[in-house]
Each structure stands twice: as structure tokens, then as C-alpha cells.
PDB file of N, CA and C in Angstrom:
ATOM      1  N   MET A   1       0.905  -1.200   0.124  1.00  0.00           N
ATOM      2  CA  MET A   1      -0.260   0.072  -0.035  1.00  0.00           C
ATOM      3  C   MET A   1       0.808   0.854  -0.147  1.00  0.00           C
ATOM      4  N   GLN A   2       0.202   2.488  -0.718  1.00  0.00           N
ATOM      5  CA  GLN A   2       1.044   3.593  -0.666  1.00  0.00           C
ATOM      6  C   GLN A   2       0.501   4.928  -0.159  1.00  0.00           C
ATOM      7  N   LEU A   3       0.625   5.213   0.586  1.00  0.00           N
ATOM      8  CA  LEU A   3       0.072   6.898   0.918  1.00  0.00           C
ATOM      9  C   LEU A   3       0.606   7.886   0.172  1.00  0.00           C
ATOM     10  N   ASP A   4       0.233   9.268  -0.646  1.00  0.00           N
ATOM     11  CA  ASP A   4      -0.117  10.130  -0.662  1.00  0.00           C
ATOM     12  C   ASP A   4       1.547  11.238   0.586  1.00  0.00           C
ATOM     13  N   GLN A   5       2.059  12.020   0.060  1.00  0.00           N
ATOM     14  CA  GLN A   5       2.451  12.653   0.868  1.00  0.00           C
ATOM     15  C   GLN A   5       1.551  13.487   1.531  1.00  0.00           C
ATOM     16  N   PHE A   6       1.777  14.141   3.136  1.00  0.00           N
ATOM     17  CA  PHE A   6       0.453  14.905   3.398  1.00  0.00           C
ATOM     18  C   PHE A   6       0.851  16.253   3.490  1.00  0.00           C
ATOM     19  N   PRO A   7      -0.130  16.930   2.754  1.00  0.00           N
ATOM     20  CA  PRO A   7       0.113  18.363   2.960  1.00  0.00           C
ATOM     21  C   PRO A   7       0.674  18.907   3.596  1.00  0.00           C
ATOM     22  N   GLU A   8       1.170  20.180   3.458  1.00  0.00           N
ATOM     23  CA  GLU A   8       2.066  20.806   4.302  1.00  0.00           C
ATOM     24  C   GLU A   8       1.392  21.549   5.600  1.00  0.00           C
ATOM     25  N   GLY A   9       1.399  21.784   6.219  1.00  0.00           N
ATOM     26  CA  GLY A   9       0.970  22.367   7.514  1.00  0.00           C
ATOM     27  C   GLY A   9      -0.500  21.330   8.514  1.00  0.00           C
ATOM     28  N   LEU A  10      -0.231  20.396   7.982  1.00  0.00           N
ATOM     29  CA  LEU A  10      -0.896  19.559   8.678  1.00  0.00           C
ATOM     30  C   LEU A  10      -1.389  19.292   9.970  1.00  0.00           C
ATOM     31  N   THR A  11      -2.391  19.128  10.851  1.00  0.00           N
ATOM     32  CA  THR A  11      -1.974  19.339  12.034  1.00  0.00           C
ATOM     33  C   THR A  11      -2.749  18.310  13.034  1.00  0.00           C
ATOM     34  N   ARG A  12      -2.425  17.869  13.958  1.00  0.00           N
ATOM     35  CA  ARG A  12      -3.949  16.778  14.433  1.00  0.00           C
ATOM     36  C   ARG A  12      -4.741  17.691  14.986  1.00  0.00           C
ATOM     37  N   GLY A  13      -6.003  17.000  14.560  1.00  0.00           N
ATOM     38  CA  GLY A  13      -7.541  17.258  14.578  1.00  0.00           C
ATOM     39  C   GLY A  13      -8.309  17.799  13.580  1.00  0.00           C
ATOM     40  N   THR A  14      -7.249  17.886  11.886  1.00  0.00           N
ATOM     41  CA  THR A  14      -7.266  18.554  10.912  1.00  0.00           C
ATOM     42  C   THR A  14      -8.131  17.165  10.334  1.00  0.00           C
ATOM     43  N   GLN A  15      -9.790  17.928  10.022  1.00  0.00           N
ATOM     44  CA  GLN A  15     -10.665  16.486   9.058  1.00  0.00           C
ATOM     45  C   GLN A  15     -10.039  16.458   8.005  1.00  0.00           C
ATOM     46  N   LEU A  16     -10.373  15.328   7.399  1.00  0.00           N
ATOM     47  CA  LEU A  16      -9.546  14.496   6.157  1.00  0.00           C
ATOM     48  C   LEU A  16     -10.605  13.817   5.396  1.00  0.00           C
ATOM     49  N   SER A  17     -10.555  13.568   4.588  1.00  0.00           N
ATOM     50  CA  SER A  17     -11.534  12.687   4.011  1.00  0.00           C
ATOM     51  C   SER A  17     -10.366  11.358   2.889  1.00  0.00           C
ATOM     52  N   VAL A  18     -10.879  10.753   2.423  1.00  0.00           N
ATOM     53  CA  VAL A  18      -9.945   9.859   2.051  1.00  0.00           C
ATOM     54  C   VAL A  18     -10.500   8.723   1.318  1.00  0.00           C
ATOM     55  N   SER A  19     -10.180   8.054  -0.216  1.00  0.00           N
ATOM     56  CA  SER A  19     -10.164   7.432  -0.579  1.00  0.00           C
ATOM     57  C   SER A  19      -9.778   5.935  -1.042  1.00  0.00           C
ATOM     58  N   ILE A  20     -10.755   5.028  -0.639  1.00  0.00           N
ATOM     59  CA  ILE A  20      -9.380   3.522  -0.716  1.00  0.00           C
ATOM     60  C   ILE A  20     -10.329   2.912  -2.059  1.00  0.00           C
ATOM     61  N   VAL A  21      -9.424   3.107  -3.052  1.00  0.00           N
ATOM     62  CA  VAL A  21      -9.518   2.111  -4.587  1.00  0.00           C
ATOM     63  C   VAL A  21      -9.442   0.749  -3.304  1.00  0.00           C
ATOM     64  N   THR A  22     -10.481  -0.297  -4.134  1.00  0.00           N
ATOM     65  CA  THR A  22     -10.170  -1.804  -3.490  1.00  0.00           C
ATOM     66  C   THR A  22      -9.476  -2.481  -4.675  1.00  0.00           C
ATOM     67  N   GLN A  23     -10.298  -2.418  -5.874  1.00  0.00           N
ATOM     68  CA  GLN A  23     -10.493  -2.993  -7.553  1.00  0.00           C
ATOM     69  C   GLN A  23     -10.093  -2.146  -8.308  1.00  0.00           C
ATOM     70  N   ARG A  24      -9.001  -2.049  -9.403  1.00  0.00           N
ATOM     71  CA  ARG A  24      -9.361  -1.293 -10.614  1.00  0.00           C
ATOM     72  C   ARG A  24      -8.867  -1.981 -11.936  1.00  0.00           C
ATOM     73  N   LYS A  25      -9.855  -1.760 -12.544  1.00  0.00           N
ATOM     74  CA  LYS A  25     -10.051  -2.104 -14.212  1.00  0.00           C
ATOM     75  C   LYS A  25      -9.402  -1.427 -15.340  1.00  0.00           C
ATOM     76  N   GLU A  26      -8.455  -1.178 -15.903  1.00  0.00           N
ATOM     77  CA  GLU A  26      -8.151  -1.044 -16.925  1.00  0.00           C
ATOM     78  C   GLU A  26      -8.669  -0.699 -18.133  1.00  0.00           C
ATOM     79  N   ASN A  27      -8.939   0.228 -18.896  1.00  0.00           N
ATOM     80  CA  ASN A  27      -9.739  -0.028 -20.171  1.00  0.00           C
ATOM     81  C   ASN A  27     -10.809  -0.677 -20.334  1.00  0.00           C
ATOM     82  N   ALA A  28     -11.970  -0.586 -18.826  1.00  0.00           N
ATOM     83  CA  ALA A  28     -13.097  -1.066 -18.893  1.00  0.00           C
ATOM     84  C   ALA A  28     -13.813  -0.637 -19.865  1.00  0.00           C
ATOM     85  N   VAL A  29     -15.163  -1.286 -20.199  1.00  0.00           N
ATOM     86  CA  VAL A  29     -15.956  -0.572 -21.385  1.00  0.00           C
ATOM     87  C   VAL A  29     -17.350  -0.174 -20.057  1.00  0.00           C
ATOM     88  N   THR A  30     -17.848   0.762 -20.292  1.00  0.00           N
ATOM     89  CA  THR A  30     -18.787   1.420 -19.174  1.00  0.00           C
ATOM     90  C   THR A  30     -19.260   2.298 -19.725  1.00  0.00           C
ATOM     91  N   ILE A  31     -21.098   2.096 -19.316  1.00  0.00           N
ATOM     92  CA  ILE A  31     -22.158   2.945 -19.730  1.00  0.00           C
ATOM     93  C   ILE A  31     -22.643   3.575 -18.447  1.00  0.00           C
ATOM     94  N   PRO A  32     -23.498   4.648 -18.776  1.00  0.00           N
ATOM     95  CA  PRO A  32     -24.447   5.082 -17.470  1.00  0.00           C
ATOM     96  C   PRO A  32     -25.414   3.859 -17.099  1.00  0.00           C
ATOM     97  N   LEU A  33     -25.633   3.597 -15.805  1.00  0.00           N
ATOM     98  CA  LEU A  33     -26.579   2.595 -15.468  1.00  0.00           C
ATOM     99  C   LEU A  33     -27.413   2.817 -15.836  1.00  0.00           C
ATOM    100  N   ALA A  34     -28.198   4.110 -16.318  1.00  0.00           N
ATOM    101  CA  ALA A  34     -29.855   4.226 -16.526  1.00  0.00           C
ATOM    102  C   ALA A  34     -29.818   3.643 -18.017  1.00  0.00           C
ATOM    103  N   ALA A  35     -28.638   3.144 -18.930  1.00  0.00           N
ATOM    104  CA  ALA A  35     -28.468   3.265 -20.252  1.00  0.00           C
ATOM    105  C   ALA A  35     -29.053   1.565 -20.294  1.00  0.00           C
ATOM    106  N   LEU A  36     -28.932   0.897 -18.815  1.00  0.00           N
ATOM    107  CA  LEU A  36     -28.670  -0.591 -18.943  1.00  0.00           C
ATOM    108  C   LEU A  36     -30.241  -0.832 -19.038  1.00  0.00           C
ATOM    109  N   ARG A  37     -30.702  -1.938 -19.757  1.00  0.00           N
ATOM    110  CA  ARG A  37     -32.112  -2.632 -19.452  1.00  0.00           C
ATOM    111  C   ARG A  37     -32.309  -4.085 -19.195  1.00  0.00           C
ATOM    112  N   SER A  38     -33.161  -4.151 -18.435  1.00  0.00           N
ATOM    113  CA  SER A  38     -33.493  -5.326 -17.693  1.00  0.00           C
ATOM    114  C   SER A  38     -34.609  -5.710 -17.918  1.00  0.00           C
ATOM    115  N   TYR A  39     -34.785  -7.240 -18.323  1.00  0.00           N
ATOM    116  CA  TYR A  39     -36.244  -7.806 -18.376  1.00  0.00           C
ATOM    117  C   TYR A  39     -36.407  -8.897 -18.244  1.00  0.00           C
ATOM    118  N   ALA A  40     -36.777  -9.299 -17.470  1.00  0.00           N
ATOM    119  CA  ALA A  40     -36.950 -11.298 -17.298  1.00  0.00           C
ATOM    120  C   ALA A  40     -35.341 -11.964 -17.071  1.00  0.00           C
ATOM    121  N   GLY A  41     -34.676 -11.366 -16.688  1.00  0.00           N
ATOM    122  CA  GLY A  41     -33.178 -11.403 -16.286  1.00  0.00           C
ATOM    123  C   GLY A  41     -32.592 -11.926 -16.919  1.00  0.00           C
ATOM    124  N   ARG A  42     -32.839 -10.761 -18.696  1.00  0.00           N
ATOM    125  CA  ARG A  42     -32.279 -10.668 -19.813  1.00  0.00           C
ATOM    126  C   ARG A  42     -31.546  -8.707 -19.298  1.00  0.00           C
ATOM    127  N   ASN A  43     -30.322  -9.049 -19.416  1.00  0.00           N
ATOM    128  CA  ASN A  43     -29.931  -7.434 -19.740  1.00  0.00           C
ATOM    129  C   ASN A  43     -29.489  -7.140 -21.105  1.00  0.00           C
ATOM    130  N   TYR A  44     -29.709  -5.871 -21.648  1.00  0.00           N
ATOM    131  CA  TYR A  44     -29.792  -5.527 -22.705  1.00  0.00           C
ATOM    132  C   TYR A  44     -29.287  -3.910 -22.734  1.00  0.00           C
ATOM    133  N   VAL A  45     -28.988  -3.547 -24.056  1.00  0.00           N
ATOM    134  CA  VAL A  45     -29.131  -1.931 -24.368  1.00  0.00           C
ATOM    135  C   VAL A  45     -29.749  -1.870 -25.894  1.00  0.00           C
ATOM    136  N   GLN A  46     -30.066  -0.585 -25.680  1.00  0.00           N
ATOM    137  CA  GLN A  46     -30.651  -0.113 -27.411  1.00  0.00           C
ATOM    138  C   GLN A  46     -28.996   0.806 -27.499  1.00  0.00           C
ATOM    139  N   ILE A  47     -28.460   0.457 -28.998  1.00  0.00           N
ATOM    140  CA  ILE A  47     -27.614   1.014 -29.907  1.00  0.00           C
ATOM    141  C   ILE A  47     -28.226   1.795 -30.212  1.00  0.00           C
ATOM    142  N   VAL A  48     -26.746   2.646 -31.475  1.00  0.00           N
ATOM    143  CA  VAL A  48     -27.628   3.569 -32.555  1.00  0.00           C
ATOM    144  C   VAL A  48     -26.463   2.895 -33.662  1.00  0.00           C
ATOM    145  N   ASP A  49     -26.423   2.807 -34.838  1.00  0.00           N
ATOM    146  CA  ASP A  49     -25.886   2.377 -35.933  1.00  0.00           C
ATOM    147  C   ASP A  49     -25.290   3.713 -36.452  1.00  0.00           C
ATOM    148  N   ASP A  50     -24.369   3.427 -37.963  1.00  0.00           N
ATOM    149  CA  ASP A  50     -23.673   4.410 -38.264  1.00  0.00           C
ATOM    150  C   ASP A  50     -24.973   5.423 -38.761  1.00  0.00           C
ATOM    151  N   GLN A  51     -26.114   4.437 -39.360  1.00  0.00           N
ATOM    152  CA  GLN A  51     -27.653   5.089 -40.179  1.00  0.00           C
ATOM    153  C   GLN A  51     -28.112   5.302 -39.511  1.00  0.00           C
ATOM    154  N   GLY A  52     -28.089   5.764 -38.130  1.00  0.00           N
ATOM    155  CA  GLY A  52     -29.131   6.500 -36.869  1.00  0.00           C
ATOM    156  C   GLY A  52     -30.074   5.281 -36.659  1.00  0.00           C
ATOM    157  N   ASN A  53     -30.334   3.840 -37.405  1.00  0.00           N
ATOM    158  CA  ASN A  53     -30.756   2.843 -36.992  1.00  0.00           C
ATOM    159  C   ASN A  53     -30.809   2.263 -35.206  1.00  0.00           C
ATOM    160  N   LYS A  54     -31.869   1.925 -34.224  1.00  0.00           N
ATOM    161  CA  LYS A  54     -31.727   1.854 -33.012  1.00  0.00           C
ATOM    162  C   LYS A  54     -31.885  -0.011 -33.525  1.00  0.00           C
ATOM    163  N   ARG A  55     -31.318  -0.644 -32.236  1.00  0.00           N
ATOM    164  CA  ARG A  55     -31.370  -1.749 -32.007  1.00  0.00           C
ATOM    165  C   ARG A  55     -31.288  -2.578 -30.744  1.00  0.00           C
ATOM    166  N   GLU A  56     -31.481  -3.710 -30.147  1.00  0.00           N
ATOM    167  CA  GLU A  56     -31.533  -4.091 -29.231  1.00  0.00           C
ATOM    168  C   GLU A  56     -30.021  -5.033 -29.090  1.00  0.00           C
ATOM    169  N   VAL A  57     -29.027  -4.967 -27.883  1.00  0.00           N
ATOM    170  CA  VAL A  57     -27.661  -5.825 -28.116  1.00  0.00           C
ATOM    171  C   VAL A  57     -27.989  -6.489 -26.497  1.00  0.00           C
ATOM    172  N   ASP A  58     -27.615  -7.892 -26.159  1.00  0.00           N
ATOM    173  CA  ASP A  58     -27.561  -8.695 -25.405  1.00  0.00           C
ATOM    174  C   ASP A  58     -26.207  -8.259 -24.966  1.00  0.00           C
ATOM    175  N   VAL A  59     -26.328  -7.873 -23.189  1.00  0.00           N
ATOM    176  CA  VAL A  59     -25.308  -7.551 -22.421  1.00  0.00           C
ATOM    177  C   VAL A  59     -24.754  -8.544 -21.855  1.00  0.00           C
ATOM    178  N   GLU A  60     -23.673  -9.039 -21.114  1.00  0.00           N
ATOM    179  CA  GLU A  60     -23.347  -9.509 -19.805  1.00  0.00           C
ATOM    180  C   GLU A  60     -22.635  -8.186 -19.268  1.00  0.00           C
ATOM    181  N   ILE A  61     -22.796  -8.014 -17.790  1.00  0.00           N
ATOM    182  CA  ILE A  61     -22.678  -6.459 -17.117  1.00  0.00           C
ATOM    183  C   ILE A  61     -21.482  -7.309 -15.904  1.00  0.00           C
ATOM    184  N   GLY A  62     -20.746  -6.052 -15.543  1.00  0.00           N
ATOM    185  CA  GLY A  62     -19.700  -6.628 -14.599  1.00  0.00           C
ATOM    186  C   GLY A  62     -19.885  -5.929 -13.188  1.00  0.00           C
ATOM    187  N   GLN A  63     -18.612  -5.460 -13.167  1.00  0.00           N
ATOM    188  CA  GLN A  63     -19.109  -4.172 -12.141  1.00  0.00           C
ATOM    189  C   GLN A  63     -19.892  -3.357 -11.656  1.00  0.00           C
ATOM    190  N   GLN A  64     -20.501  -2.917 -10.988  1.00  0.00           N
ATOM    191  CA  GLN A  64     -21.265  -1.489 -10.845  1.00  0.00           C
ATOM    192  C   GLN A  64     -21.284  -0.177  -9.532  1.00  0.00           C
ATOM    193  N   THR A  65     -21.481   0.796  -9.996  1.00  0.00           N
ATOM    194  CA  THR A  65     -21.256   1.661  -9.226  1.00  0.00           C
ATOM    195  C   THR A  65     -22.460   2.227  -9.346  1.00  0.00           C
ATOM    196  N   ALA A  66     -22.616   3.131  -8.138  1.00  0.00           N
ATOM    197  CA  ALA A  66     -23.882   4.259  -8.285  1.00  0.00           C
ATOM    198  C   ALA A  66     -24.570   4.615  -9.683  1.00  0.00           C
ATOM    199  N   THR A  67     -23.871   4.975 -10.257  1.00  0.00           N
ATOM    200  CA  THR A  67     -23.871   5.421 -11.705  1.00  0.00           C
ATOM    201  C   THR A  67     -23.539   4.842 -13.388  1.00  0.00           C
ATOM    202  N   ASP A  68     -22.591   4.262 -12.856  1.00  0.00           N
ATOM    203  CA  ASP A  68     -22.253   3.256 -14.009  1.00  0.00           C
ATOM    204  C   ASP A  68     -21.654   1.698 -13.592  1.00  0.00           C
ATOM    205  N   VAL A  69     -21.904   1.044 -15.186  1.00  0.00           N
ATOM    206  CA  VAL A  69     -22.086  -0.412 -14.753  1.00  0.00           C
ATOM    207  C   VAL A  69     -20.843  -0.820 -16.115  1.00  0.00           C
ATOM    208  N   GLU A  70     -20.448  -1.430 -15.172  1.00  0.00           N
ATOM    209  CA  GLU A  70     -19.434  -1.967 -16.866  1.00  0.00           C
ATOM    210  C   GLU A  70     -19.979  -3.239 -17.732  1.00  0.00           C
ATOM    211  N   ILE A  71     -19.363  -3.273 -18.507  1.00  0.00           N
ATOM    212  CA  ILE A  71     -19.964  -4.497 -19.906  1.00  0.00           C
ATOM    213  C   ILE A  71     -19.127  -5.171 -19.978  1.00  0.00           C
ATOM    214  N   VAL A  72     -18.812  -6.628 -19.859  1.00  0.00           N
ATOM    215  CA  VAL A  72     -18.183  -7.446 -20.173  1.00  0.00           C
ATOM    216  C   VAL A  72     -18.247  -8.053 -21.485  1.00  0.00           C
ATOM    217  N   LYS A  73     -19.061  -8.197 -21.555  1.00  0.00           N
ATOM    218  CA  LYS A  73     -19.285  -8.774 -23.384  1.00  0.00           C
ATOM    219  C   LYS A  73     -20.883  -8.224 -23.994  1.00  0.00           C
ATOM    220  N   GLY A  74     -20.268  -8.065 -25.250  1.00  0.00           N
ATOM    221  CA  GLY A  74     -22.157  -7.133 -26.047  1.00  0.00           C
ATOM    222  C   GLY A  74     -21.469  -6.248 -26.765  1.00  0.00           C
ATOM    223  N   LEU A  75     -20.983  -5.255 -26.290  1.00  0.00           N
ATOM    224  CA  LEU A  75     -20.704  -4.097 -26.666  1.00  0.00           C
ATOM    225  C   LEU A  75     -18.861  -3.724 -27.227  1.00  0.00           C
ATOM    226  N   THR A  76     -18.721  -2.613 -27.775  1.00  0.00           N
ATOM    227  CA  THR A  76     -17.079  -2.373 -27.937  1.00  0.00           C
ATOM    228  C   THR A  76     -17.057  -1.129 -27.970  1.00  0.00           C
ATOM    229  N   PRO A  77     -15.857  -0.660 -27.692  1.00  0.00           N
ATOM    230  CA  PRO A  77     -15.690   0.833 -27.468  1.00  0.00           C
ATOM    231  C   PRO A  77     -16.036   1.675 -28.500  1.00  0.00           C
ATOM    232  N   GLY A  78     -16.577   2.585 -28.327  1.00  0.00           N
ATOM    233  CA  GLY A  78     -17.331   3.564 -29.475  1.00  0.00           C
ATOM    234  C   GLY A  78     -18.471   3.596 -30.026  1.00  0.00           C
ATOM    235  N   GLN A  79     -19.325   2.426 -29.180  1.00  0.00           N
ATOM    236  CA  GLN A  79     -20.827   1.989 -29.719  1.00  0.00           C
ATOM    237  C   GLN A  79     -21.509   3.001 -28.842  1.00  0.00           C
ATOM    238  N   LYS A  80     -22.616   3.826 -29.537  1.00  0.00           N
ATOM    239  CA  LYS A  80     -23.592   4.659 -29.571  1.00  0.00           C
ATOM    240  C   LYS A  80     -24.678   4.056 -28.384  1.00  0.00           C
ATOM    241  N   VAL A  81     -25.068   4.106 -27.290  1.00  0.00           N
ATOM    242  CA  VAL A  81     -25.933   3.710 -26.628  1.00  0.00           C
ATOM    243  C   VAL A  81     -26.626   4.525 -26.058  1.00  0.00           C
ATOM    244  N   VAL A  82     -28.011   4.270 -26.140  1.00  0.00           N
ATOM    245  CA  VAL A  82     -29.360   5.239 -25.902  1.00  0.00           C
ATOM    246  C   VAL A  82     -29.678   4.948 -24.424  1.00  0.00           C
ATOM    247  N   GLY A  83     -29.622   6.099 -23.627  1.00  0.00           N
ATOM    248  CA  GLY A  83     -30.645   5.979 -22.468  1.00  0.00           C
ATOM    249  C   GLY A  83     -32.092   6.340 -22.398  1.00  0.00           C
ATOM    250  N   ARG A  84     -32.306   5.987 -21.224  1.00  0.00           N
ATOM    251  CA  ARG A  84     -33.819   6.193 -21.140  1.00  0.00           C
ATOM    252  C   ARG A  84     -33.989   7.655 -20.770  1.00  0.00           C
TER     253      ARG A  84
END
């Protein structure tokens, strides 16, 4: 584990906030959670192709935060996803 250097002038009793990263993935494909659709155990998104046509694509999800979800399978970087 590595800690950043403490700021100058820090004294006892100074309130701090700490961020702890427990897991990190490089180059993960993520989308806004609001764009993910689920129905009867199926996870899917709507994408827009180069001609502007919408279609549904089944996806496999990974890690999730309050705002984003990792797409493990089904999308490639750069695809346009339609939100709700």
C-alpha cells in the first residue's frame, strides 16, 4: 500500500477525507447505469448504428457503481448507447 505525501501545515485534529480503491480495471467498457435495461433476467442496451437505426444488444455486466456499470461482453468501445 502507498500513501500520498501529507499536505504541509497539517496538524492533529484536522479533518480529512480518504478514498480507498479496492479494485481497479484498466480499459473497461462502461455505460451509464440508466442506459442498462433488464427484463426477465435479460440485460440489454439499445445502440444506434451509423445509419441512425436503433437495435437491442444483449450484454453481460460486471462491476457496478451508483452511476455506471461495466459491460464485460456485448459492446465495443465507441458504440453509441441510447439512454432511457
